[in-house]
Amino acid sequence: MLGQVKTLQNTGGVLTPVTDLLDAVLKTKDGKLPAEETQKHVDAIKAAIDAAKEQAPATPAPPAADKALPDDAKVPLDVKADALAALQSAVDALVKATTAGDVTAVATQVPVVVTGLVNFVAATLLSGALPAPNLPGLPALPQLPTSAVPVPTTPTLPATPALPPAPTLPQAPALPQAPALPQAPALPQA
């Protein structure tokens, strides 16, 4: 039970500093935070993400059979660590935009950070470290795969049939002989 409480605590530990940064950025008129305030948020977020990474269980090594699959066919075994890395990357992009005072980039990055938070919470809930919710009316949570999912092989296609030979064209009839042109009359002499 203590592990489950710690998991929830670390989830809140990540949510709070990231939402504090989002709140501060969204309250500015020009999307720009003072450097010292930005650094305060960056330090708090980094500490929270590092604490969440330390709390995450070690990732098991994939079975030997899964190593034969191409990298893009493998499902990540540590979804929570991947979510934390993506969240850190999104926060870094938001900090860069807010430091530059780029309102367009801030408006683009805020939803990316929010999505990163949602992905982190979902990865935490699905990690198996917490009990499944039992609220009536809630759909069942899907289970994360614990090993790589094999990619189905495609059947071989039948050989392309050869094209039929081109038909022979009939011989074109010869053109009739052109009649000779009449002799031009002589020009009168002046």
Protein backbone atom coordinates (compact mmCIF):
# COMPACT_ATOMS: atom_id res chain seq x y z
CA MET A 1 0.00 0.00 0.00
CA LEU A 2 2.83 2.38 0.78
CA GLY A 3 4.11 1.93 -2.80
CA GLN A 4 0.71 2.87 -4.21
CA VAL A 5 0.58 5.99 -2.04
CA LYS A 6 4.09 6.93 -3.18
CA THR A 7 3.04 6.45 -6.84
CA LEU A 8 0.10 8.82 -6.37
CA GLN A 9 2.27 11.28 -4.48
CA ASN A 10 4.85 11.35 -7.27
CA THR A 11 2.09 11.82 -9.85
CA GLY A 12 0.90 14.87 -7.95
CA GLY A 13 4.51 15.92 -7.53
CA VAL A 14 4.85 16.15 -11.32
CA LEU A 15 1.41 17.64 -11.98
CA THR A 16 1.77 20.55 -9.55
CA PRO A 17 4.97 22.21 -10.85
CA VAL A 18 3.99 21.70 -14.50
CA THR A 19 0.51 23.18 -13.98
CA ASP A 20 2.10 26.03 -11.99
CA LEU A 21 4.27 26.82 -15.04
CA LEU A 22 1.27 26.60 -17.37
CA ASP A 23 -0.75 28.86 -15.08
CA ALA A 24 2.04 31.46 -14.91
CA VAL A 25 2.57 31.44 -18.68
CA LEU A 26 -1.13 31.71 -19.48
CA LYS A 27 -1.55 34.65 -17.10
CA THR A 28 1.03 36.74 -18.95
CA LYS A 29 -0.15 39.14 -21.64
CA ASP A 30 2.81 38.57 -23.94
CA GLY A 31 3.64 34.95 -23.07
CA LYS A 32 6.97 35.98 -21.53
CA LEU A 33 7.98 35.15 -17.97
CA PRO A 34 10.83 36.85 -16.12
CA ALA A 35 14.02 34.75 -16.23
CA GLU A 36 14.15 34.13 -12.47
CA GLU A 37 10.51 32.97 -12.36
CA THR A 38 11.06 30.72 -15.36
CA GLN A 39 14.13 29.17 -13.72
CA LYS A 40 12.15 28.54 -10.53
CA HIS A 41 9.55 26.59 -12.52
CA VAL A 42 12.20 24.71 -14.54
CA ASP A 43 14.01 23.61 -11.36
CA ALA A 44 10.78 22.45 -9.69
CA ILE A 45 9.69 20.47 -12.77
CA LYS A 46 13.10 18.84 -13.22
CA ALA A 47 13.18 17.80 -9.54
CA ALA A 48 9.65 16.36 -9.77
CA ILE A 49 10.38 14.42 -12.97
CA ASP A 50 13.64 13.09 -11.52
CA ALA A 51 11.79 11.95 -8.39
CA ALA A 52 9.14 10.22 -10.50
CA LYS A 53 11.87 8.48 -12.54
CA GLU A 54 13.56 7.22 -9.38
CA GLN A 55 10.27 5.84 -8.11
CA ALA A 56 9.48 4.03 -11.36
CA PRO A 57 10.14 0.29 -11.30
CA ALA A 58 13.03 -1.09 -13.31
CA THR A 59 12.14 -2.11 -16.83
CA PRO A 60 12.45 -5.84 -17.47
CA ALA A 61 14.65 -6.96 -20.35
CA PRO A 62 12.66 -8.04 -23.40
CA PRO A 63 12.58 -11.78 -24.13
CA ALA A 64 15.16 -13.02 -26.63
CA ALA A 65 12.50 -13.79 -29.27
CA ASP A 66 11.40 -10.15 -29.29
CA LYS A 67 14.89 -8.95 -30.23
CA ALA A 68 14.33 -10.26 -33.77
CA LEU A 69 11.57 -7.70 -34.37
CA PRO A 70 12.44 -4.38 -35.97
CA ASP A 71 12.65 -1.49 -33.50
CA ASP A 72 9.53 0.24 -34.82
CA ALA A 73 7.47 -2.92 -34.25
CA LYS A 74 8.25 -3.08 -30.55
CA VAL A 75 5.96 -1.64 -27.92
CA PRO A 76 7.84 0.36 -25.29
CA LEU A 77 8.16 -1.56 -22.07
CA ASP A 78 8.47 1.52 -19.89
CA VAL A 79 5.60 3.72 -21.00
CA LYS A 80 5.82 5.85 -17.85
CA ALA A 81 9.50 6.70 -18.46
CA ASP A 82 8.69 7.50 -22.09
CA ALA A 83 5.82 9.74 -20.96
CA LEU A 84 8.12 11.54 -18.51
CA ALA A 85 10.75 12.08 -21.22
CA ALA A 86 8.12 13.43 -23.64
CA LEU A 87 6.73 15.70 -20.91
CA GLN A 88 10.22 17.06 -20.15
CA SER A 89 10.76 17.72 -23.85
CA ALA A 90 7.41 19.53 -24.13
CA VAL A 91 8.19 21.64 -21.04
CA ASP A 92 11.61 22.54 -22.49
CA ALA A 93 9.95 23.72 -25.72
CA LEU A 94 7.42 25.79 -23.73
CA VAL A 95 10.19 27.36 -21.63
CA LYS A 96 12.10 28.24 -24.81
CA ALA A 97 8.99 29.87 -26.28
CA THR A 98 8.13 31.79 -23.11
CA THR A 99 11.73 32.95 -22.64
CA ALA A 100 11.69 34.33 -26.17
CA GLY A 101 8.26 35.91 -25.65
CA ASP A 102 6.98 34.12 -28.77
CA VAL A 103 3.21 34.17 -28.24
CA THR A 104 2.54 31.90 -31.24
CA ALA A 105 5.00 29.26 -30.02
CA VAL A 106 3.58 29.51 -26.48
CA ALA A 107 0.06 28.96 -27.83
CA THR A 108 1.34 25.93 -29.77
CA GLN A 109 3.31 24.42 -26.87
CA VAL A 110 0.74 24.76 -24.07
CA PRO A 111 -1.53 22.00 -25.50
CA VAL A 112 1.55 19.82 -26.07
CA VAL A 113 2.48 20.14 -22.38
CA VAL A 114 -1.11 19.43 -21.29
CA THR A 115 -1.14 16.31 -23.50
CA GLY A 116 2.20 15.29 -21.98
CA LEU A 117 0.68 15.55 -18.50
CA VAL A 118 -2.33 13.48 -19.53
CA ASN A 119 -0.03 10.84 -21.05
CA PHE A 120 2.02 10.72 -17.83
CA VAL A 121 -1.10 10.28 -15.69
CA ALA A 122 -2.46 7.60 -18.02
CA ALA A 123 0.87 5.75 -18.01
CA THR A 124 0.92 5.90 -14.21
CA LEU A 125 -2.63 4.57 -13.94
CA LEU A 126 -1.96 1.76 -16.40
CA SER A 127 1.44 0.81 -14.98
CA GLY A 128 -0.06 -1.81 -12.70
CA ALA A 129 1.25 -0.16 -9.55
CA LEU A 130 -2.22 1.09 -8.62
CA PRO A 131 -5.49 -0.77 -8.15
CA ALA A 132 -7.97 -0.61 -11.01
CA PRO A 133 -10.72 1.98 -10.54
CA ASN A 134 -14.11 0.62 -9.57
CA LEU A 135 -16.32 3.66 -10.08
CA PRO A 136 -19.67 2.52 -11.52
CA GLY A 137 -20.07 3.55 -15.15
CA LEU A 138 -16.35 3.85 -15.84
CA PRO A 139 -15.10 1.79 -18.76
CA ALA A 140 -12.46 -0.80 -17.95
CA LEU A 141 -8.90 0.39 -18.36
CA PRO A 142 -6.90 -1.39 -21.04
CA GLN A 143 -3.82 -3.31 -19.98
CA LEU A 144 -0.43 -2.22 -21.26
CA PRO A 145 1.50 -4.92 -23.08
CA THR A 146 4.33 -6.36 -21.04
CA SER A 147 6.37 -7.45 -24.04
CA ALA A 148 6.77 -6.45 -27.63
CA VAL A 149 3.82 -7.16 -29.86
CA PRO A 150 4.83 -9.16 -32.94
CA VAL A 151 4.08 -7.58 -36.25
CA PRO A 152 2.11 -9.88 -38.56
CA THR A 153 3.88 -10.84 -41.71
CA THR A 154 2.29 -10.02 -45.01
CA PRO A 155 1.56 -12.90 -47.37
CA THR A 156 3.57 -12.99 -50.51
CA LEU A 157 1.80 -11.64 -53.52
CA PRO A 158 1.29 -13.89 -56.56
CA ALA A 159 3.63 -13.30 -59.45
CA THR A 160 2.46 -10.76 -61.95
CA PRO A 161 1.27 -12.58 -65.09
CA ALA A 162 3.13 -11.85 -68.30
CA LEU A 163 1.44 -9.51 -70.71
CA PRO A 164 0.09 -11.14 -73.87
CA PRO A 165 2.16 -10.48 -76.98
CA ALA A 166 1.18 -7.42 -78.94
CA PRO A 167 -1.04 -8.32 -81.89
CA THR A 168 0.49 -7.97 -85.31
CA LEU A 169 -0.97 -5.13 -87.24
CA PRO A 170 -2.16 -5.69 -90.84
CA GLN A 171 0.08 -4.34 -93.54
CA ALA A 172 -0.97 -0.85 -94.56
CA PRO A 173 -1.95 -0.66 -98.25
CA ALA A 174 0.49 1.11 -100.50
CA LEU A 175 -0.38 4.65 -101.41
CA PRO A 176 -1.49 5.14 -105.04
CA GLN A 177 1.01 6.71 -107.41
CA ALA A 178 0.54 10.46 -107.45
CA PRO A 179 -0.42 11.72 -110.96
CA ALA A 180 2.15 13.82 -112.74
CA LEU A 181 1.58 17.52 -112.65
CA PRO A 182 0.72 19.15 -116.02
CA GLN A 183 3.45 21.15 -117.67
CA ALA A 184 3.23 24.81 -116.84
CA PRO A 185 2.49 27.02 -119.90
CA ALA A 186 5.30 29.26 -121.07
CA LEU A 187 5.15 32.81 -120.01
CA PRO A 188 4.57 35.37 -122.76
CA GLN A 189 7.60 37.42 -123.58
CA ALA A 190 7.36 41.06 -123.35
